[in-house]
PDB file of N, CA and C in Angstrom:
ATOM      1  N   UNK A   1      14.852  31.812 107.416  1.00  0.00           N
ATOM      2  CA  UNK A   1      15.724  30.824 107.984  1.00  0.00           C
ATOM      3  C   UNK A   1      16.036  31.255 109.409  1.00  0.00           C
ATOM      4  N   UNK A   2      15.984  30.299 110.298  1.00  0.00           N
ATOM      5  CA  UNK A   2      16.290  30.596 111.690  1.00  0.00           C
ATOM      6  C   UNK A   2      17.766  30.943 111.830  1.00  0.00           C
ATOM      7  N   UNK A   3      18.031  31.798 112.776  1.00  0.00           N
ATOM      8  CA  UNK A   3      19.414  32.223 112.997  1.00  0.00           C
ATOM      9  C   UNK A   3      20.317  31.033 113.286  1.00  0.00           C
ATOM     10  N   UNK A   4      19.813  30.077 114.078  1.00  0.00           N
ATOM     11  CA  UNK A   4      20.607  28.883 114.404  1.00  0.00           C
ATOM     12  C   UNK A   4      20.984  28.110 113.150  1.00  0.00           C
ATOM     13  N   UNK A   5      20.039  27.989 112.205  1.00  0.00           N
ATOM     14  CA  UNK A   5      20.317  27.279 110.956  1.00  0.00           C
ATOM     15  C   UNK A   5      21.396  27.993 110.150  1.00  0.00           C
ATOM     16  N   UNK A   6      21.324  29.320 110.132  1.00  0.00           N
ATOM     17  CA  UNK A   6      22.333  30.098 109.403  1.00  0.00           C
ATOM     18  C   UNK A   6      23.717  29.869 109.996  1.00  0.00           C
ATOM     19  N   UNK A   7      23.798  29.882 111.309  1.00  0.00           N
ATOM     20  CA  UNK A   7      25.077  29.683 111.986  1.00  0.00           C
ATOM     21  C   UNK A   7      25.601  28.277 111.710  1.00  0.00           C
ATOM     22  N   UNK A   8      24.715  27.281 111.805  1.00  0.00           N
ATOM     23  CA  UNK A   8      25.126  25.896 111.548  1.00  0.00           C
ATOM     24  C   UNK A   8      25.640  25.728 110.121  1.00  0.00           C
ATOM     25  N   UNK A   9      24.923  26.289 109.166  1.00  0.00           N
ATOM     26  CA  UNK A   9      25.331  26.160 107.769  1.00  0.00           C
ATOM     27  C   UNK A   9      26.653  26.864 107.501  1.00  0.00           C
ATOM     28  N   UNK A  10      26.828  28.041 108.073  1.00  0.00           N
ATOM     29  CA  UNK A  10      28.086  28.768 107.873  1.00  0.00           C
ATOM     30  C   UNK A  10      29.254  28.037 108.534  1.00  0.00           C
ATOM     31  N   UNK A  11      29.020  27.484 109.727  1.00  0.00           N
ATOM     32  CA  UNK A  11      30.108  26.762 110.388  1.00  0.00           C
ATOM     33  C   UNK A  11      30.466  25.503 109.601  1.00  0.00           C
ATOM     34  N   UNK A  12      29.472  24.849 109.011  1.00  0.00           N
ATOM     35  CA  UNK A  12      29.749  23.681 108.173  1.00  0.00           C
ATOM     36  C   UNK A  12      30.544  24.085 106.932  1.00  0.00           C
ATOM     37  N   UNK A  13      30.179  25.216 106.353  1.00  0.00           N
ATOM     38  CA  UNK A  13      30.899  25.712 105.177  1.00  0.00           C
ATOM     39  C   UNK A  13      32.350  26.047 105.536  1.00  0.00           C
ATOM     40  N   UNK A  14      32.552  26.717 106.660  1.00  0.00           N
ATOM     41  CA  UNK A  14      33.913  27.068 107.082  1.00  0.00           C
ATOM     42  C   UNK A  14      34.730  25.821 107.413  1.00  0.00           C
ATOM     43  N   UNK A  15      34.077  24.842 108.038  1.00  0.00           N
ATOM     44  CA  UNK A  15      34.757  23.583 108.327  1.00  0.00           C
ATOM     45  C   UNK A  15      35.205  22.907 107.043  1.00  0.00           C
ATOM     46  N   UNK A  16      34.371  22.980 106.019  1.00  0.00           N
ATOM     47  CA  UNK A  16      34.720  22.416 104.724  1.00  0.00           C
ATOM     48  C   UNK A  16      35.911  23.120 104.109  1.00  0.00           C
ATOM     49  N   UNK A  17      35.949  24.444 104.267  1.00  0.00           N
ATOM     50  CA  UNK A  17      37.084  25.201 103.734  1.00  0.00           C
ATOM     51  C   UNK A  17      38.383  24.812 104.445  1.00  0.00           C
ATOM     52  N   UNK A  18      38.285  24.607 105.751  1.00  0.00           N
ATOM     53  CA  UNK A  18      39.459  24.206 106.519  1.00  0.00           C
ATOM     54  C   UNK A  18      39.928  22.825 106.058  1.00  0.00           C
ATOM     55  N   UNK A  19      38.980  21.888 105.940  1.00  0.00           N
ATOM     56  CA  UNK A  19      39.333  20.538 105.473  1.00  0.00           C
ATOM     57  C   UNK A  19      39.992  20.593 104.097  1.00  0.00           C
ATOM     58  N   UNK A  20      39.407  21.375 103.222  1.00  0.00           N
ATOM     59  CA  UNK A  20      39.966  21.495 101.874  1.00  0.00           C
ATOM     60  C   UNK A  20      41.391  22.039 101.927  1.00  0.00           C
ATOM     61  N   UNK A  21      41.603  23.069 102.721  1.00  0.00           N
ATOM     62  CA  UNK A  21      42.927  23.676 102.834  1.00  0.00           C
ATOM     63  C   UNK A  21      43.955  22.731 103.427  1.00  0.00           C
ATOM     64  N   UNK A  22      43.559  22.008 104.465  1.00  0.00           N
ATOM     65  CA  UNK A  22      44.475  21.045 105.086  1.00  0.00           C
ATOM     66  C   UNK A  22      44.784  19.923 104.099  1.00  0.00           C
ATOM     67  N   UNK A  23      43.757  19.468 103.389  1.00  0.00           N
ATOM     68  CA  UNK A  23      43.971  18.424 102.400  1.00  0.00           C
ATOM     69  C   UNK A  23      44.921  18.868 101.306  1.00  0.00           C
ATOM     70  N   UNK A  24      44.756  20.094 100.868  1.00  0.00           N
ATOM     71  CA  UNK A  24      45.637  20.636  99.826  1.00  0.00           C
ATOM     72  C   UNK A  24      47.075  20.770 100.348  1.00  0.00           C
ATOM     73  N   UNK A  25      47.209  21.244 101.591  1.00  0.00           N
ATOM     74  CA  UNK A  25      48.540  21.458 102.164  1.00  0.00           C
ATOM     75  C   UNK A  25      49.281  20.150 102.422  1.00  0.00           C
ATOM     76  N   UNK A  26      48.528  19.091 102.710  1.00  0.00           N
ATOM     77  CA  UNK A  26      49.161  17.811 103.034  1.00  0.00           C
ATOM     78  C   UNK A  26      49.111  16.823 101.877  1.00  0.00           C
ATOM     79  N   UNK A  27      48.649  17.277 100.732  1.00  0.00           N
ATOM     80  CA  UNK A  27      48.505  16.416  99.548  1.00  0.00           C
ATOM     81  C   UNK A  27      47.572  15.244  99.805  1.00  0.00           C
ATOM     82  N   UNK A  28      46.554  15.466 100.637  1.00  0.00           N
ATOM     83  CA  UNK A  28      45.548  14.436 100.928  1.00  0.00           C
ATOM     84  C   UNK A  28      44.324  14.738 100.070  1.00  0.00           C
ATOM     85  N   UNK A  29      44.252  14.079  98.928  1.00  0.00           N
ATOM     86  CA  UNK A  29      43.176  14.354  97.969  1.00  0.00           C
ATOM     87  C   UNK A  29      41.801  14.017  98.548  1.00  0.00           C
ATOM     88  N   UNK A  30      41.737  12.963  99.351  1.00  0.00           N
ATOM     89  CA  UNK A  30      40.457  12.566  99.949  1.00  0.00           C
ATOM     90  C   UNK A  30      39.935  13.649 100.896  1.00  0.00           C
ATOM     91  N   UNK A  31      40.796  14.173 101.744  1.00  0.00           N
ATOM     92  CA  UNK A  31      40.400  15.216 102.692  1.00  0.00           C
ATOM     93  C   UNK A  31      39.990  16.483 101.944  1.00  0.00           C
ATOM     94  N   UNK A  32      40.727  16.815 100.912  1.00  0.00           N
ATOM     95  CA  UNK A  32      40.399  17.983 100.097  1.00  0.00           C
ATOM     96  C   UNK A  32      39.019  17.806  99.454  1.00  0.00           C
ATOM     97  N   UNK A  33      38.738  16.615  98.939  1.00  0.00           N
ATOM     98  CA  UNK A  33      37.440  16.338  98.317  1.00  0.00           C
ATOM     99  C   UNK A  33      36.315  16.385  99.347  1.00  0.00           C
ATOM    100  N   UNK A  34      36.573  15.870 100.550  1.00  0.00           N
ATOM    101  CA  UNK A  34      35.566  15.933 101.614  1.00  0.00           C
ATOM    102  C   UNK A  34      35.244  17.381 101.960  1.00  0.00           C
ATOM    103  N   UNK A  35      36.266  18.206 102.018  1.00  0.00           N
ATOM    104  CA  UNK A  35      36.058  19.621 102.319  1.00  0.00           C
ATOM    105  C   UNK A  35      35.202  20.297 101.270  1.00  0.00           C
ATOM    106  N   UNK A  36      35.478  20.003 100.007  1.00  0.00           N
ATOM    107  CA  UNK A  36      34.676  20.581  98.930  1.00  0.00           C
ATOM    108  C   UNK A  36      33.236  20.087  99.000  1.00  0.00           C
ATOM    109  N   UNK A  37      33.062  18.804  99.321  1.00  0.00           N
ATOM    110  CA  UNK A  37      31.715  18.239  99.435  1.00  0.00           C
ATOM    111  C   UNK A  37      30.954  18.881 100.590  1.00  0.00           C
ATOM    112  N   UNK A  38      31.627  19.102 101.706  1.00  0.00           N
ATOM    113  CA  UNK A  38      30.989  19.761 102.855  1.00  0.00           C
ATOM    114  C   UNK A  38      30.520  21.165 102.479  1.00  0.00           C
ATOM    115  N   UNK A  39      31.347  21.869 101.720  1.00  0.00           N
ATOM    116  CA  UNK A  39      30.977  23.226 101.306  1.00  0.00           C
ATOM    117  C   UNK A  39      29.757  23.210 100.390  1.00  0.00           C
ATOM    118  N   UNK A  40      29.744  22.275  99.442  1.00  0.00           N
ATOM    119  CA  UNK A  40      28.598  22.175  98.521  1.00  0.00           C
ATOM    120  C   UNK A  40      27.323  21.841  99.281  1.00  0.00           C
ATOM    121  N   UNK A  41      27.423  20.890 100.217  1.00  0.00           N
ATOM    122  CA  UNK A  41      26.261  20.491 101.006  1.00  0.00           C
ATOM    123  C   UNK A  41      25.718  21.678 101.809  1.00  0.00           C
ATOM    124  N   UNK A  42      26.606  22.442 102.390  1.00  0.00           N
ATOM    125  CA  UNK A  42      26.203  23.605 103.161  1.00  0.00           C
ATOM    126  C   UNK A  42      25.499  24.633 102.282  1.00  0.00           C
ATOM    127  N   UNK A  43      26.027  24.852 101.083  1.00  0.00           N
ATOM    128  CA  UNK A  43      25.419  25.828 100.179  1.00  0.00           C
ATOM    129  C   UNK A  43      24.043  25.374  99.715  1.00  0.00           C
ATOM    130  N   UNK A  44      23.865  24.069  99.520  1.00  0.00           N
ATOM    131  CA  UNK A  44      22.549  23.540  99.140  1.00  0.00           C
ATOM    132  C   UNK A  44      21.555  23.760 100.288  1.00  0.00           C
ATOM    133  N   UNK A  45      21.989  23.484 101.511  1.00  0.00           N
ATOM    134  CA  UNK A  45      21.119  23.695 102.673  1.00  0.00           C
ATOM    135  C   UNK A  45      20.725  25.163 102.783  1.00  0.00           C
ATOM    136  N   UNK A  46      21.682  26.064 102.549  1.00  0.00           N
ATOM    137  CA  UNK A  46      21.386  27.493 102.616  1.00  0.00           C
ATOM    138  C   UNK A  46      20.368  27.879 101.548  1.00  0.00           C
ATOM    139  N   UNK A  47      20.507  27.326 100.350  1.00  0.00           N
ATOM    140  CA  UNK A  47      19.578  27.636  99.264  1.00  0.00           C
ATOM    141  C   UNK A  47      18.179  27.147  99.603  1.00  0.00           C
ATOM    142  N   UNK A  48      18.078  25.950 100.171  1.00  0.00           N
ATOM    143  CA  UNK A  48      16.766  25.410 100.554  1.00  0.00           C
ATOM    144  C   UNK A  48      16.127  26.297 101.616  1.00  0.00           C
ATOM    145  N   UNK A  49      16.908  26.710 102.583  1.00  0.00           N
ATOM    146  CA  UNK A  49      16.372  27.582 103.633  1.00  0.00           C
ATOM    147  C   UNK A  49      15.937  28.933 103.054  1.00  0.00           C
ATOM    148  N   UNK A  50      16.675  29.453 102.089  1.00  0.00           N
ATOM    149  CA  UNK A  50      16.288  30.715 101.461  1.00  0.00           C
ATOM    150  C   UNK A  50      14.979  30.586 100.706  1.00  0.00           C
ATOM    151  N   UNK A  51      14.762  29.454 100.052  1.00  0.00           N
ATOM    152  CA  UNK A  51      13.494  29.217  99.362  1.00  0.00           C
ATOM    153  C   UNK A  51      12.360  29.139 100.374  1.00  0.00           C
ATOM    154  N   UNK A  52      12.589  28.459 101.471  1.00  0.00           N
ATOM    155  CA  UNK A  52      11.570  28.375 102.532  1.00  0.00           C
ATOM    156  C   UNK A  52      11.210  29.782 103.029  1.00  0.00           C
ATOM    157  N   UNK A  53      12.243  30.602 103.254  1.00  0.00           N
ATOM    158  CA  UNK A  53      12.023  31.962 103.724  1.00  0.00           C
ATOM    159  C   UNK A  53      11.210  32.770 102.711  1.00  0.00           C
ATOM    160  N   UNK A  54      11.465  32.571 101.444  1.00  0.00           N
ATOM    161  CA  UNK A  54      10.745  33.321 100.403  1.00  0.00           C
ATOM    162  C   UNK A  54       9.264  32.993 100.423  1.00  0.00           C
ATOM    163  N   UNK A  55       8.925  31.739 100.705  1.00  0.00           N
ATOM    164  CA  UNK A  55       7.521  31.362 100.728  1.00  0.00           C
ATOM    165  C   UNK A  55       6.819  31.760 102.022  1.00  0.00           C
ATOM    166  N   UNK A  56       7.573  32.010 103.069  1.00  0.00           N
ATOM    167  CA  UNK A  56       6.994  32.457 104.330  1.00  0.00           C
ATOM    168  C   UNK A  56       6.558  33.901 104.266  1.00  0.00           C
ATOM    169  N   UNK A  57       7.205  34.672 103.427  1.00  0.00           N
ATOM    170  CA  UNK A  57       6.923  36.118 103.342  1.00  0.00           C
ATOM    171  C   UNK A  57       5.646  36.413 102.633  1.00  0.00           C
TER     172      UNK A  57
END
């Protein structure tokens, strides 16, 4: 996985954590759910990139 992709995925994951936390703190269930979805999406992207890396080796 390219370094840029790793950084992008991690920043998306952290952004999701922030959204989730803000949603939880403000009782905004929609924002909290969006944050969780962002985190899941980021983790899926990371897994796909890891599989790509495994086949490159």
